[in-house]
Amino acid sequence: KEYWSSGYGTDTVNTLLSHLFITLELDRVYLHTLSWNYRAQASFGKSGFKTVRDVKRGGQDFILMGVLRPDWEESQSE
């Protein structure tokens, strides 16, 4: 917890997205996060992810989030 709110997660996600969008030339990236994990959802939102829909898997509630390359590029210029 001592590393929470220091930007490490956002930096890691942005580094991964940079690799996926620039090196691998993907057009979109999806992820699942637990529906109650608001901190993760906010962190992913900083990298341009938006909620796509609710998902149930294995009895758990998840949120499907996605980001398109143009949205990610825009989030990097802010």
PDB file of N, CA and C in Angstrom:
ATOM      1  N   LYS A   1       0.810  -1.196   0.000  1.00  0.00           N
ATOM      2  CA  LYS A   1       0.000   0.000   0.000  1.00  0.00           C
ATOM      3  C   LYS A   1       0.854   1.261   0.000  1.00  0.00           C
ATOM      4  N   GLU A   2       2.103   1.144   0.428  1.00  0.00           N
ATOM      5  CA  GLU A   2       2.942   2.346   0.477  1.00  0.00           C
ATOM      6  C   GLU A   2       3.248   2.893  -0.917  1.00  0.00           C
ATOM      7  N   TYR A   3       3.022   2.093  -1.957  1.00  0.00           N
ATOM      8  CA  TYR A   3       3.281   2.546  -3.324  1.00  0.00           C
ATOM      9  C   TYR A   3       2.015   2.996  -4.048  1.00  0.00           C
ATOM     10  N   TRP A   4       0.839   2.855  -3.402  1.00  0.00           N
ATOM     11  CA  TRP A   4      -0.411   3.269  -4.014  1.00  0.00           C
ATOM     12  C   TRP A   4      -0.399   4.766  -4.275  1.00  0.00           C
ATOM     13  N   SER A   5      -1.078   5.184  -5.320  1.00  0.00           N
ATOM     14  CA  SER A   5      -1.258   6.602  -5.685  1.00  0.00           C
ATOM     15  C   SER A   5       0.052   7.291  -6.020  1.00  0.00           C
ATOM     16  N   SER A   6       1.042   6.520  -6.451  1.00  0.00           N
ATOM     17  CA  SER A   6       2.333   7.092  -6.848  1.00  0.00           C
ATOM     18  C   SER A   6       2.497   7.114  -8.366  1.00  0.00           C
ATOM     19  N   GLY A   7       1.521   6.587  -9.094  1.00  0.00           N
ATOM     20  CA  GLY A   7       1.576   6.601 -10.544  1.00  0.00           C
ATOM     21  C   GLY A   7       2.286   5.420 -11.172  1.00  0.00           C
ATOM     22  N   TYR A   8       2.728   4.454 -10.363  1.00  0.00           N
ATOM     23  CA  TYR A   8       3.457   3.305 -10.908  1.00  0.00           C
ATOM     24  C   TYR A   8       2.563   2.444 -11.809  1.00  0.00           C
ATOM     25  N   GLY A   9       1.318   2.214 -11.403  1.00  0.00           N
ATOM     26  CA  GLY A   9       0.409   1.404 -12.205  1.00  0.00           C
ATOM     27  C   GLY A   9       0.096   2.060 -13.529  1.00  0.00           C
ATOM     28  N   THR A  10      -0.193   3.359 -13.493  1.00  0.00           N
ATOM     29  CA  THR A  10      -0.492   4.094 -14.722  1.00  0.00           C
ATOM     30  C   THR A  10       0.711   4.097 -15.652  1.00  0.00           C
ATOM     31  N   ASP A  11       1.884   4.292 -15.108  1.00  0.00           N
ATOM     32  CA  ASP A  11       3.100   4.279 -15.922  1.00  0.00           C
ATOM     33  C   ASP A  11       3.315   2.905 -16.561  1.00  0.00           C
ATOM     34  N   THR A  12       3.065   1.856 -15.806  1.00  0.00           N
ATOM     35  CA  THR A  12       3.226   0.491 -16.324  1.00  0.00           C
ATOM     36  C   THR A  12       2.228   0.217 -17.448  1.00  0.00           C
ATOM     37  N   VAL A  13       0.974   0.596 -17.246  1.00  0.00           N
ATOM     38  CA  VAL A  13      -0.042   0.387 -18.275  1.00  0.00           C
ATOM     39  C   VAL A  13       0.299   1.192 -19.528  1.00  0.00           C
ATOM     40  N   ASN A  14       0.734   2.435 -19.359  1.00  0.00           N
ATOM     41  CA  ASN A  14       1.102   3.262 -20.517  1.00  0.00           C
ATOM     42  C   ASN A  14       2.290   2.676 -21.269  1.00  0.00           C
ATOM     43  N   THR A  15       3.250   2.115 -20.563  1.00  0.00           N
ATOM     44  CA  THR A  15       4.405   1.482 -21.208  1.00  0.00           C
ATOM     45  C   THR A  15       3.960   0.263 -22.017  1.00  0.00           C
ATOM     46  N   LEU A  16       3.087  -0.547 -21.428  1.00  0.00           N
ATOM     47  CA  LEU A  16       2.575  -1.717 -22.130  1.00  0.00           C
ATOM     48  C   LEU A  16       1.760  -1.299 -23.355  1.00  0.00           C
ATOM     49  N   LEU A  17       0.889  -0.309 -23.196  1.00  0.00           N
ATOM     50  CA  LEU A  17       0.082   0.153 -24.328  1.00  0.00           C
ATOM     51  C   LEU A  17       0.960   0.738 -25.426  1.00  0.00           C
ATOM     52  N   SER A  18       2.000   1.424 -25.052  1.00  0.00           N
ATOM     53  CA  SER A  18       2.936   1.956 -26.044  1.00  0.00           C
ATOM     54  C   SER A  18       3.512   0.821 -26.875  1.00  0.00           C
ATOM     55  N   HIS A  19       3.909  -0.240 -26.225  1.00  0.00           N
ATOM     56  CA  HIS A  19       4.449  -1.404 -26.928  1.00  0.00           C
ATOM     57  C   HIS A  19       3.380  -2.031 -27.833  1.00  0.00           C
ATOM     58  N   LEU A  20       2.186  -2.191 -27.310  1.00  0.00           N
ATOM     59  CA  LEU A  20       1.119  -2.842 -28.071  1.00  0.00           C
ATOM     60  C   LEU A  20       0.685  -2.018 -29.282  1.00  0.00           C
ATOM     61  N   PHE A  21       0.580  -0.705 -29.096  1.00  0.00           N
ATOM     62  CA  PHE A  21       0.107   0.150 -30.183  1.00  0.00           C
ATOM     63  C   PHE A  21       1.202   0.539 -31.169  1.00  0.00           C
ATOM     64  N   ILE A  22       2.406   0.782 -30.683  1.00  0.00           N
ATOM     65  CA  ILE A  22       3.481   1.253 -31.566  1.00  0.00           C
ATOM     66  C   ILE A  22       4.264   0.085 -32.170  1.00  0.00           C
ATOM     67  N   THR A  23       4.740  -0.814 -31.325  1.00  0.00           N
ATOM     68  CA  THR A  23       5.572  -1.919 -31.809  1.00  0.00           C
ATOM     69  C   THR A  23       4.746  -2.992 -32.517  1.00  0.00           C
ATOM     70  N   LEU A  24       3.663  -3.419 -31.875  1.00  0.00           N
ATOM     71  CA  LEU A  24       2.845  -4.487 -32.445  1.00  0.00           C
ATOM     72  C   LEU A  24       1.751  -3.965 -33.377  1.00  0.00           C
ATOM     73  N   GLU A  25       1.556  -2.668 -33.394  1.00  0.00           N
ATOM     74  CA  GLU A  25       0.591  -1.998 -34.274  1.00  0.00           C
ATOM     75  C   GLU A  25      -0.842  -2.492 -34.101  1.00  0.00           C
ATOM     76  N   LEU A  26      -1.223  -2.782 -32.853  1.00  0.00           N
ATOM     77  CA  LEU A  26      -2.609  -3.158 -32.579  1.00  0.00           C
ATOM     78  C   LEU A  26      -3.503  -1.931 -32.698  1.00  0.00           C
ATOM     79  N   ASP A  27      -4.782  -2.158 -32.945  1.00  0.00           N
ATOM     80  CA  ASP A  27      -5.735  -1.065 -33.068  1.00  0.00           C
ATOM     81  C   ASP A  27      -6.562  -0.851 -31.808  1.00  0.00           C
ATOM     82  N   ARG A  28      -6.692  -1.920 -30.976  1.00  0.00           N
ATOM     83  CA  ARG A  28      -7.445  -1.799 -29.738  1.00  0.00           C
ATOM     84  C   ARG A  28      -6.949  -2.825 -28.729  1.00  0.00           C
ATOM     85  N   VAL A  29      -7.183  -2.537 -27.459  1.00  0.00           N
ATOM     86  CA  VAL A  29      -6.795  -3.433 -26.368  1.00  0.00           C
ATOM     87  C   VAL A  29      -7.967  -3.488 -25.386  1.00  0.00           C
ATOM     88  N   TYR A  30      -8.290  -4.703 -24.927  1.00  0.00           N
ATOM     89  CA  TYR A  30      -9.338  -4.916 -23.933  1.00  0.00           C
ATOM     90  C   TYR A  30      -8.727  -5.499 -22.663  1.00  0.00           C
ATOM     91  N   LEU A  31      -9.424  -5.291 -21.549  1.00  0.00           N
ATOM     92  CA  LEU A  31      -9.044  -5.923 -20.281  1.00  0.00           C
ATOM     93  C   LEU A  31     -10.292  -6.128 -19.449  1.00  0.00           C
ATOM     94  N   HIS A  32     -10.179  -7.032 -18.468  1.00  0.00           N
ATOM     95  CA  HIS A  32     -11.228  -7.243 -17.481  1.00  0.00           C
ATOM     96  C   HIS A  32     -10.694  -6.800 -16.131  1.00  0.00           C
ATOM     97  N   THR A  33     -11.514  -6.115 -15.367  1.00  0.00           N
ATOM     98  CA  THR A  33     -11.167  -5.775 -13.992  1.00  0.00           C
ATOM     99  C   THR A  33     -12.391  -6.050 -13.124  1.00  0.00           C
ATOM    100  N   LEU A  34     -12.155  -6.395 -11.882  1.00  0.00           N
ATOM    101  CA  LEU A  34     -13.269  -6.677 -10.973  1.00  0.00           C
ATOM    102  C   LEU A  34     -14.150  -5.434 -10.836  1.00  0.00           C
ATOM    103  N   SER A  35     -15.455  -5.643 -10.805  1.00  0.00           N
ATOM    104  CA  SER A  35     -16.389  -4.515 -10.798  1.00  0.00           C
ATOM    105  C   SER A  35     -16.234  -3.630  -9.562  1.00  0.00           C
ATOM    106  N   TRP A  36     -15.759  -4.175  -8.455  1.00  0.00           N
ATOM    107  CA  TRP A  36     -15.603  -3.391  -7.234  1.00  0.00           C
ATOM    108  C   TRP A  36     -14.242  -2.699  -7.143  1.00  0.00           C
ATOM    109  N   ASN A  37     -13.363  -2.945  -8.102  1.00  0.00           N
ATOM    110  CA  ASN A  37     -12.009  -2.383  -8.042  1.00  0.00           C
ATOM    111  C   ASN A  37     -11.971  -1.007  -8.727  1.00  0.00           C
ATOM    112  N   TYR A  38     -12.533  -0.022  -8.030  1.00  0.00           N
ATOM    113  CA  TYR A  38     -12.645   1.327  -8.583  1.00  0.00           C
ATOM    114  C   TYR A  38     -11.285   1.987  -8.780  1.00  0.00           C
ATOM    115  N   ARG A  39     -10.320   1.667  -7.935  1.00  0.00           N
ATOM    116  CA  ARG A  39      -8.979   2.252  -8.089  1.00  0.00           C
ATOM    117  C   ARG A  39      -8.356   1.796  -9.410  1.00  0.00           C
ATOM    118  N   ALA A  40      -8.495   0.510  -9.736  1.00  0.00           N
ATOM    119  CA  ALA A  40      -7.952   0.002 -11.005  1.00  0.00           C
ATOM    120  C   ALA A  40      -8.674   0.638 -12.178  1.00  0.00           C
ATOM    121  N   GLN A  41     -10.002   0.739 -12.092  1.00  0.00           N
ATOM    122  CA  GLN A  41     -10.771   1.341 -13.173  1.00  0.00           C
ATOM    123  C   GLN A  41     -10.350   2.788 -13.405  1.00  0.00           C
ATOM    124  N   ALA A  42     -10.120   3.533 -12.342  1.00  0.00           N
ATOM    125  CA  ALA A  42      -9.670   4.923 -12.473  1.00  0.00           C
ATOM    126  C   ALA A  42      -8.276   4.978 -13.096  1.00  0.00           C
ATOM    127  N   SER A  43      -7.407   4.067 -12.689  1.00  0.00           N
ATOM    128  CA  SER A  43      -6.054   4.028 -13.236  1.00  0.00           C
ATOM    129  C   SER A  43      -6.084   3.709 -14.732  1.00  0.00           C
ATOM    130  N   PHE A  44      -6.882   2.720 -15.111  1.00  0.00           N
ATOM    131  CA  PHE A  44      -6.994   2.377 -16.529  1.00  0.00           C
ATOM    132  C   PHE A  44      -7.607   3.529 -17.316  1.00  0.00           C
ATOM    133  N   GLY A  45      -8.542   4.242 -16.697  1.00  0.00           N
ATOM    134  CA  GLY A  45      -9.154   5.400 -17.348  1.00  0.00           C
ATOM    135  C   GLY A  45      -8.146   6.477 -17.676  1.00  0.00           C
ATOM    136  N   LYS A  46      -7.130   6.635 -16.823  1.00  0.00           N
ATOM    137  CA  LYS A  46      -6.066   7.618 -17.085  1.00  0.00           C
ATOM    138  C   LYS A  46      -5.273   7.267 -18.340  1.00  0.00           C
ATOM    139  N   SER A  47      -5.279   5.988 -18.703  1.00  0.00           N
ATOM    140  CA  SER A  47      -4.556   5.537 -19.897  1.00  0.00           C
ATOM    141  C   SER A  47      -5.460   5.483 -21.125  1.00  0.00           C
ATOM    142  N   GLY A  48      -6.693   5.948 -20.981  1.00  0.00           N
ATOM    143  CA  GLY A  48      -7.590   6.019 -22.120  1.00  0.00           C
ATOM    144  C   GLY A  48      -8.635   4.923 -22.188  1.00  0.00           C
ATOM    145  N   PHE A  49      -8.603   3.954 -21.262  1.00  0.00           N
ATOM    146  CA  PHE A  49      -9.600   2.885 -21.273  1.00  0.00           C
ATOM    147  C   PHE A  49     -10.976   3.432 -20.919  1.00  0.00           C
ATOM    148  N   LYS A  50     -11.994   2.869 -21.566  1.00  0.00           N
ATOM    149  CA  LYS A  50     -13.379   3.205 -21.277  1.00  0.00           C
ATOM    150  C   LYS A  50     -14.139   1.907 -21.011  1.00  0.00           C
ATOM    151  N   THR A  51     -15.170   2.003 -20.176  1.00  0.00           N
ATOM    152  CA  THR A  51     -15.998   0.832 -19.887  1.00  0.00           C
ATOM    153  C   THR A  51     -16.779   0.432 -21.135  1.00  0.00           C
ATOM    154  N   VAL A  52     -16.720  -0.858 -21.461  1.00  0.00           N
ATOM    155  CA  VAL A  52     -17.449  -1.392 -22.611  1.00  0.00           C
ATOM    156  C   VAL A  52     -18.751  -2.030 -22.137  1.00  0.00           C
ATOM    157  N   ARG A  53     -18.644  -2.927 -21.137  1.00  0.00           N
ATOM    158  CA  ARG A  53     -19.841  -3.588 -20.605  1.00  0.00           C
ATOM    159  C   ARG A  53     -19.485  -4.368 -19.356  1.00  0.00           C
ATOM    160  N   ASP A  54     -20.524  -4.767 -18.637  1.00  0.00           N
ATOM    161  CA  ASP A  54     -20.371  -5.636 -17.467  1.00  0.00           C
ATOM    162  C   ASP A  54     -20.264  -7.077 -17.951  1.00  0.00           C
ATOM    163  N   VAL A  55     -19.472  -7.886 -17.221  1.00  0.00           N
ATOM    164  CA  VAL A  55     -19.244  -9.283 -17.583  1.00  0.00           C
ATOM    165  C   VAL A  55     -19.311 -10.130 -16.323  1.00  0.00           C
ATOM    166  N   LYS A  56     -19.903 -11.320 -16.425  1.00  0.00           N
ATOM    167  CA  LYS A  56     -19.881 -12.288 -15.323  1.00  0.00           C
ATOM    168  C   LYS A  56     -19.003 -13.448 -15.744  1.00  0.00           C
ATOM    169  N   ARG A  57     -18.028 -13.784 -14.898  1.00  0.00           N
ATOM    170  CA  ARG A  57     -17.129 -14.910 -15.176  1.00  0.00           C
ATOM    171  C   ARG A  57     -16.879 -15.646 -13.876  1.00  0.00           C
ATOM    172  N   GLY A  58     -17.140 -16.926 -13.875  1.00  0.00           N
ATOM    173  CA  GLY A  58     -16.868 -17.734 -12.691  1.00  0.00           C
ATOM    174  C   GLY A  58     -17.575 -17.235 -11.444  1.00  0.00           C
ATOM    175  N   GLY A  59     -18.780 -16.693 -11.597  1.00  0.00           N
ATOM    176  CA  GLY A  59     -19.529 -16.198 -10.452  1.00  0.00           C
ATOM    177  C   GLY A  59     -19.091 -14.824  -9.975  1.00  0.00           C
ATOM    178  N   GLN A  60     -18.119 -14.214 -10.634  1.00  0.00           N
ATOM    179  CA  GLN A  60     -17.616 -12.889 -10.259  1.00  0.00           C
ATOM    180  C   GLN A  60     -18.117 -11.847 -11.255  1.00  0.00           C
ATOM    181  N   ASP A  61     -18.285 -10.631 -10.782  1.00  0.00           N
ATOM    182  CA  ASP A  61     -18.676  -9.521 -11.649  1.00  0.00           C
ATOM    183  C   ASP A  61     -17.429  -8.757 -12.065  1.00  0.00           C
ATOM    184  N   PHE A  62     -17.286  -8.591 -13.384  1.00  0.00           N
ATOM    185  CA  PHE A  62     -16.163  -7.877 -13.957  1.00  0.00           C
ATOM    186  C   PHE A  62     -16.659  -6.729 -14.817  1.00  0.00           C
ATOM    187  N   ILE A  63     -15.780  -5.831 -15.123  1.00  0.00           N
ATOM    188  CA  ILE A  63     -16.014  -4.757 -16.079  1.00  0.00           C
ATOM    189  C   ILE A  63     -15.059  -4.999 -17.239  1.00  0.00           C
ATOM    190  N   LEU A  64     -15.594  -5.033 -18.461  1.00  0.00           N
ATOM    191  CA  LEU A  64     -14.761  -5.102 -19.657  1.00  0.00           C
ATOM    192  C   LEU A  64     -14.452  -3.662 -20.048  1.00  0.00           C
ATOM    193  N   MET A  65     -13.174  -3.353 -20.157  1.00  0.00           N
ATOM    194  CA  MET A  65     -12.737  -2.015 -20.546  1.00  0.00           C
ATOM    195  C   MET A  65     -11.908  -2.138 -21.812  1.00  0.00           C
ATOM    196  N   GLY A  66     -11.951  -1.119 -22.637  1.00  0.00           N
ATOM    197  CA  GLY A  66     -11.188  -1.142 -23.868  1.00  0.00           C
ATOM    198  C   GLY A  66     -10.654   0.234 -24.213  1.00  0.00           C
ATOM    199  N   VAL A  67      -9.608   0.229 -25.020  1.00  0.00           N
ATOM    200  CA  VAL A  67      -9.041   1.492 -25.507  1.00  0.00           C
ATOM    201  C   VAL A  67      -8.654   1.303 -26.968  1.00  0.00           C
ATOM    202  N   LEU A  68      -9.017   2.275 -27.773  1.00  0.00           N
ATOM    203  CA  LEU A  68      -8.624   2.302 -29.176  1.00  0.00           C
ATOM    204  C   LEU A  68      -7.350   3.118 -29.312  1.00  0.00           C
ATOM    205  N   ARG A  69      -6.570   2.809 -30.316  1.00  0.00           N
ATOM    206  CA  ARG A  69      -5.308   3.513 -30.518  1.00  0.00           C
ATOM    207  C   ARG A  69      -5.483   5.043 -30.523  1.00  0.00           C
ATOM    208  N   PRO A  70      -6.457   5.619 -31.278  1.00  0.00           N
ATOM    209  CA  PRO A  70      -6.590   7.084 -31.283  1.00  0.00           C
ATOM    210  C   PRO A  70      -6.902   7.660 -29.895  1.00  0.00           C
ATOM    211  N   ASP A  71      -7.720   6.940 -29.108  1.00  0.00           N
ATOM    212  CA  ASP A  71      -8.032   7.403 -27.755  1.00  0.00           C
ATOM    213  C   ASP A  71      -6.797   7.369 -26.865  1.00  0.00           C
ATOM    214  N   TRP A  72      -5.994   6.314 -27.014  1.00  0.00           N
ATOM    215  CA  TRP A  72      -4.768   6.221 -26.233  1.00  0.00           C
ATOM    216  C   TRP A  72      -3.808   7.337 -26.623  1.00  0.00           C
ATOM    217  N   GLU A  73      -3.657   7.569 -27.925  1.00  0.00           N
ATOM    218  CA  GLU A  73      -2.769   8.633 -28.394  1.00  0.00           C
ATOM    219  C   GLU A  73      -3.209   9.989 -27.849  1.00  0.00           C
ATOM    220  N   GLU A  74      -4.522  10.206 -27.808  1.00  0.00           N
ATOM    221  CA  GLU A  74      -5.047  11.462 -27.266  1.00  0.00           C
ATOM    222  C   GLU A  74      -4.756  11.578 -25.769  1.00  0.00           C
ATOM    223  N   SER A  75      -4.895  10.476 -25.031  1.00  0.00           N
ATOM    224  CA  SER A  75      -4.644  10.515 -23.592  1.00  0.00           C
ATOM    225  C   SER A  75      -3.164  10.789 -23.297  1.00  0.00           C
ATOM    226  N   GLN A  76      -2.282  10.454 -24.222  1.00  0.00           N
ATOM    227  CA  GLN A  76      -0.852  10.677 -24.026  1.00  0.00           C
ATOM    228  C   GLN A  76      -0.462  12.132 -24.264  1.00  0.00           C
ATOM    229  N   SER A  77      -1.263  12.854 -25.016  1.00  0.00           N
ATOM    230  CA  SER A  77      -0.947  14.248 -25.311  1.00  0.00           C
ATOM    231  C   SER A  77      -1.472  15.209 -24.249  1.00  0.00           C
ATOM    232  N   GLU A  78      -2.248  14.696 -23.309  1.00  0.00           N
ATOM    233  CA  GLU A  78      -2.813  15.560 -22.262  1.00  0.00           C
ATOM    234  C   GLU A  78      -1.851  15.785 -21.149  1.00  0.00           C
TER     235      GLU A  78
END
